[in-house]
Amino acid sequence: MSNALGAEDSSVRLRTALAVGSNPDPVFLEMLVGRCAVEPDFFVRDMLSWALTRLPPEITLPRIRQELDSERTQARSQALHTLSKIGDKSTWAWITRGMLRDADDEVARTAWRVAVVLVPEDEDEEKDLADELVLQLGRGDRDVQLSLSRALVDLGDVIKPALERASASSDPAVAAHAGATELLRQNPETGFDVALDEAKRVVALAPERAAAAAAAASAGPETPETAEPAETPGPMEAAKAAEVSEEADC
């Protein structure tokens, strides 16, 4: 079984993981956990996690917790992914701020997702998580930002105050990401790329609008002397006005 999980052909590894999960036996625990840390194929890794969920949680969870402290980034990421699949709320305490801020994008993305799954249904806990997650706004490439936006939106309306604060950030990347996430919160059907483009446009226009408002405020109200004279109507406009006046008199 160990040789089959390490076979060169990914389809062989996939079938082996499926077989192990279909016939769960605690004897395979170490083998499955060890393979999660090095398996290069996404679909095989997902099947390995599924096989782990088939084992009794009382033996699986303590072993997975050890992987959360691994030096291997993939081991940490896959352990977090497996926790999200098991969905045991008691493991919420295992999700640390360090995981949510992990320097490795894949670990952080998985931590964001599992945190939203495991957070207790308590408004204060959810607000605290939202406040922590918005600290990562503007991070990484498009896929990383999409993962964070999805995690935030999944928290629900509780994220609105945190997003409002972030949208006022002096960092345009943070402000735009916050704006895009708010658009997704309001309408989950909006595409992320569309929302982000719109948010970037709003952020880009904000300094111009602020400058225009400041200029108007400093100029003060218009006086008759400073106000521009009304445009004098041309011959055609005067003729039309006369016609309207005549019709009204009739």
Protein backbone atom coordinates (compact mmCIF):
# COMPACT_ATOMS: atom_id res chain seq x y z
CA MET A 1 0.00 0.00 0.00
CA SER A 2 2.84 2.37 0.80
CA ASN A 3 4.45 1.66 -2.57
CA ALA A 4 1.14 2.24 -4.35
CA LEU A 5 0.64 5.62 -2.64
CA GLY A 6 4.09 6.59 -3.85
CA ALA A 7 3.68 5.23 -7.40
CA GLU A 8 4.86 7.39 -10.29
CA ASP A 9 1.43 7.28 -11.97
CA SER A 10 -0.95 9.71 -10.24
CA SER A 11 -3.96 7.62 -11.25
CA VAL A 12 -2.53 4.68 -9.30
CA ARG A 13 -2.05 6.92 -6.24
CA LEU A 14 -5.60 8.23 -6.61
CA ARG A 15 -7.11 4.72 -6.77
CA THR A 16 -5.03 3.65 -3.79
CA ALA A 17 -6.20 6.57 -1.66
CA LEU A 18 -9.79 5.79 -2.69
CA ALA A 19 -9.33 2.13 -1.69
CA VAL A 20 -7.90 3.09 1.70
CA GLY A 21 -10.79 5.47 2.35
CA SER A 22 -13.34 2.91 1.24
CA ASN A 23 -11.93 0.40 3.72
CA PRO A 24 -10.89 2.62 6.65
CA ASP A 25 -8.38 1.14 9.06
CA PRO A 26 -6.39 3.05 11.72
CA VAL A 27 -3.27 1.21 10.58
CA PHE A 28 -3.18 3.53 7.56
CA LEU A 29 -3.23 6.76 9.60
CA GLU A 30 0.51 7.48 9.54
CA MET A 31 0.78 6.49 5.91
CA LEU A 32 -1.98 8.88 4.87
CA VAL A 33 -0.72 11.79 6.95
CA GLY A 34 2.82 11.30 5.71
CA ARG A 35 1.73 11.21 2.10
CA CYS A 36 -0.33 14.41 2.48
CA ALA A 37 2.87 16.31 3.20
CA VAL A 38 4.55 15.35 -0.08
CA GLU A 39 1.81 14.44 -2.60
CA PRO A 40 2.19 16.75 -5.64
CA ASP A 41 -1.22 16.13 -7.26
CA PHE A 42 -4.15 18.21 -5.97
CA PHE A 43 -6.79 15.54 -6.64
CA VAL A 44 -4.77 12.84 -4.90
CA ARG A 45 -4.22 15.13 -1.90
CA ASP A 46 -7.95 15.73 -1.70
CA MET A 47 -8.59 12.00 -1.78
CA LEU A 48 -6.02 11.49 0.97
CA SER A 49 -7.85 14.02 3.13
CA TRP A 50 -11.12 12.25 2.41
CA ALA A 51 -9.58 8.94 3.47
CA LEU A 52 -8.49 10.58 6.74
CA THR A 53 -12.03 11.78 7.42
CA ARG A 54 -13.15 8.15 7.24
CA LEU A 55 -11.04 7.24 10.26
CA PRO A 56 -12.26 7.78 13.86
CA PRO A 57 -11.74 11.47 14.73
CA GLU A 58 -10.44 10.61 18.18
CA ILE A 59 -7.31 9.17 16.60
CA THR A 60 -7.16 11.35 13.49
CA LEU A 61 -7.47 14.82 15.03
CA PRO A 62 -4.55 14.58 17.49
CA ARG A 63 -2.29 13.39 14.68
CA ILE A 64 -3.42 16.16 12.35
CA ARG A 65 -2.80 18.72 15.07
CA GLN A 66 0.85 17.73 15.10
CA GLU A 67 1.08 18.55 11.39
CA LEU A 68 -0.07 22.11 12.04
CA ASP A 69 3.38 22.79 13.49
CA SER A 70 5.28 21.06 10.69
CA GLU A 71 8.16 22.83 8.95
CA ARG A 72 6.71 21.65 5.63
CA THR A 73 4.28 24.22 4.25
CA GLN A 74 2.31 21.56 2.39
CA ALA A 75 1.95 19.50 5.55
CA ARG A 76 0.46 22.51 7.36
CA SER A 77 -1.80 23.42 4.47
CA GLN A 78 -3.12 19.90 4.00
CA ALA A 79 -3.66 19.44 7.74
CA LEU A 80 -5.78 22.60 7.75
CA HIS A 81 -7.66 21.38 4.69
CA THR A 82 -8.40 18.08 6.42
CA LEU A 83 -9.69 19.92 9.49
CA SER A 84 -12.13 21.81 7.27
CA LYS A 85 -13.35 18.48 5.86
CA ILE A 86 -13.83 16.97 9.31
CA GLY A 87 -15.53 20.14 10.54
CA ASP A 88 -15.15 19.46 14.26
CA LYS A 89 -15.91 22.80 15.97
CA SER A 90 -13.77 21.87 18.96
CA THR A 91 -10.68 22.37 16.80
CA TRP A 92 -11.41 26.12 16.41
CA ALA A 93 -8.92 26.84 19.19
CA TRP A 94 -6.17 25.31 17.04
CA ILE A 95 -6.47 28.05 14.41
CA THR A 96 -3.98 30.71 15.47
CA ARG A 97 -3.33 34.22 14.22
CA GLY A 98 0.02 32.95 13.02
CA MET A 99 -1.74 30.55 10.66
CA LEU A 100 -4.04 33.28 9.35
CA ARG A 101 -0.94 35.41 8.70
CA ASP A 102 1.33 32.62 7.47
CA ALA A 103 3.97 33.85 5.04
CA ASP A 104 3.09 31.02 2.65
CA ASP A 105 0.06 32.01 0.59
CA GLU A 106 -1.30 28.49 0.30
CA VAL A 107 -1.17 27.92 4.06
CA ALA A 108 -2.80 31.28 4.73
CA ARG A 109 -5.54 30.71 2.14
CA THR A 110 -6.40 27.35 3.65
CA ALA A 111 -6.35 28.82 7.16
CA TRP A 112 -8.80 31.54 6.11
CA ARG A 113 -11.16 28.94 4.71
CA VAL A 114 -11.03 26.59 7.68
CA ALA A 115 -11.36 29.47 10.15
CA VAL A 116 -14.68 30.47 8.57
CA VAL A 117 -15.86 26.86 8.76
CA LEU A 118 -14.89 26.37 12.41
CA VAL A 119 -15.57 29.78 13.98
CA PRO A 120 -18.28 29.50 16.66
CA GLU A 121 -21.69 30.96 15.85
CA ASP A 122 -21.05 33.91 18.11
CA GLU A 123 -21.14 37.50 16.86
CA ASP A 124 -18.12 38.60 18.89
CA GLU A 125 -16.03 35.67 17.66
CA GLU A 126 -17.08 36.34 14.07
CA LYS A 127 -16.27 40.05 14.38
CA ASP A 128 -12.85 39.25 15.81
CA LEU A 129 -12.19 36.90 12.90
CA ALA A 130 -13.35 39.53 10.40
CA ASP A 131 -11.05 42.13 11.99
CA GLU A 132 -8.15 39.70 11.69
CA LEU A 133 -8.87 38.72 8.09
CA VAL A 134 -9.13 42.30 6.81
CA LEU A 135 -5.51 42.78 7.85
CA GLN A 136 -4.65 40.58 4.85
CA LEU A 137 -6.55 42.68 2.29
CA GLY A 138 -4.40 43.62 -0.68
CA ARG A 139 -2.14 40.62 -0.19
CA GLY A 140 -0.88 38.44 -3.01
CA ASP A 141 -2.08 37.85 -6.55
CA ARG A 142 -5.60 37.62 -7.90
CA ASP A 143 -6.21 34.06 -6.64
CA VAL A 144 -5.05 34.89 -3.12
CA GLN A 145 -7.26 37.96 -3.01
CA LEU A 146 -10.22 36.00 -4.33
CA SER A 147 -9.76 33.40 -1.56
CA LEU A 148 -9.74 36.09 1.10
CA SER A 149 -12.82 37.81 -0.33
CA ARG A 150 -14.71 34.52 -0.41
CA ALA A 151 -13.77 33.78 3.18
CA LEU A 152 -14.91 37.22 4.31
CA VAL A 153 -18.18 37.05 2.37
CA ASP A 154 -18.91 33.64 3.91
CA LEU A 155 -18.84 35.30 7.34
CA GLY A 156 -21.90 37.33 6.36
CA ASP A 157 -22.97 40.85 7.23
CA VAL A 158 -20.74 40.94 10.30
CA ILE A 159 -17.84 41.93 8.02
CA LYS A 160 -19.39 45.23 6.91
CA PRO A 161 -17.85 47.53 9.60
CA ALA A 162 -14.39 46.03 9.10
CA LEU A 163 -14.64 46.49 5.33
CA GLU A 164 -15.77 50.10 5.72
CA ARG A 165 -12.67 50.87 7.78
CA ALA A 166 -10.41 49.07 5.32
CA SER A 167 -11.92 50.88 2.33
CA ALA A 168 -10.62 54.14 3.79
CA SER A 169 -7.04 52.83 3.86
CA SER A 170 -4.30 55.00 2.40
CA ASP A 171 -3.04 51.89 0.58
CA PRO A 172 -4.95 51.77 -2.73
CA ALA A 173 -4.54 47.99 -3.01
CA VAL A 174 -6.15 47.48 0.40
CA ALA A 175 -8.92 49.99 -0.29
CA ALA A 176 -9.72 48.43 -3.67
CA HIS A 177 -9.74 44.88 -2.28
CA ALA A 178 -12.05 46.00 0.53
CA GLY A 179 -14.36 47.70 -1.95
CA ALA A 180 -14.49 44.63 -4.19
CA THR A 181 -15.28 42.41 -1.22
CA GLU A 182 -18.10 44.72 -0.17
CA LEU A 183 -19.55 44.54 -3.70
CA LEU A 184 -19.43 40.74 -3.47
CA ARG A 185 -21.10 40.86 -0.05
CA GLN A 186 -23.94 42.90 -1.50
CA ASN A 187 -24.23 40.73 -4.61
CA PRO A 188 -22.46 37.35 -4.47
CA GLU A 189 -23.29 36.82 -8.15
CA THR A 190 -20.92 39.64 -9.12
CA GLY A 191 -17.71 38.32 -10.67
CA PHE A 192 -14.61 39.05 -8.60
CA ASP A 193 -12.70 40.59 -11.50
CA VAL A 194 -15.60 42.91 -12.31
CA ALA A 195 -15.94 43.90 -8.66
CA LEU A 196 -12.22 44.55 -8.31
CA ASP A 197 -12.07 46.67 -11.47
CA GLU A 198 -15.00 48.76 -10.26
CA ALA A 199 -13.45 49.16 -6.81
CA LYS A 200 -10.12 50.23 -8.33
CA ARG A 201 -11.93 52.84 -10.42
CA VAL A 202 -13.65 54.23 -7.32
CA VAL A 203 -10.38 54.37 -5.42
CA ALA A 204 -8.64 56.10 -8.33
CA LEU A 205 -11.35 58.75 -8.54
CA ALA A 206 -11.45 59.39 -4.79
CA PRO A 207 -8.49 61.82 -4.67
CA GLU A 208 -9.93 63.83 -7.58
CA ARG A 209 -13.31 64.08 -5.87
CA ALA A 210 -11.69 65.06 -2.56
CA ALA A 211 -9.60 67.75 -4.29
CA ALA A 212 -12.66 69.13 -6.09
CA ALA A 213 -14.64 69.26 -2.84
CA ALA A 214 -11.77 71.00 -1.05
CA ALA A 215 -11.44 73.55 -3.84
CA ALA A 216 -15.18 74.27 -3.77
CA ALA A 217 -15.13 74.69 0.01
CA SER A 218 -12.18 77.09 -0.07
CA ALA A 219 -13.74 79.20 -2.83
CA GLY A 220 -16.86 79.83 -0.77
CA PRO A 221 -20.36 80.56 -2.16
CA GLU A 222 -20.65 82.32 -5.48
CA THR A 223 -21.62 86.03 -5.43
CA PRO A 224 -23.40 87.89 -8.20
CA GLU A 225 -20.07 89.43 -9.12
CA THR A 226 -18.20 86.13 -9.30
CA ALA A 227 -20.94 84.02 -10.76
CA GLU A 228 -20.67 83.36 -14.44
CA PRO A 229 -23.28 85.28 -16.48
CA ALA A 230 -26.10 83.27 -17.92
CA GLU A 231 -25.65 82.34 -21.53
CA THR A 232 -27.53 84.67 -23.86
CA PRO A 233 -29.94 82.74 -26.06
CA GLY A 234 -29.28 82.77 -29.77
CA PRO A 235 -31.77 83.78 -32.45
CA MET A 236 -33.23 80.29 -32.86
CA GLU A 237 -33.72 79.84 -29.11
CA ALA A 238 -35.34 83.30 -28.86
CA ALA A 239 -37.72 82.48 -31.71
CA LYS A 240 -38.77 79.19 -30.11
CA ALA A 241 -39.32 80.94 -26.79
CA ALA A 242 -41.55 83.49 -28.50
CA GLU A 243 -43.58 80.72 -30.13
CA VAL A 244 -44.09 78.99 -26.77
CA SER A 245 -45.15 82.30 -25.21
CA GLU A 246 -47.68 82.92 -27.99
CA GLU A 247 -49.17 79.45 -27.62
CA ALA A 248 -49.48 79.95 -23.90
CA ASP A 249 -51.31 83.28 -24.44
CA CYS A 250 -53.78 81.54 -26.73
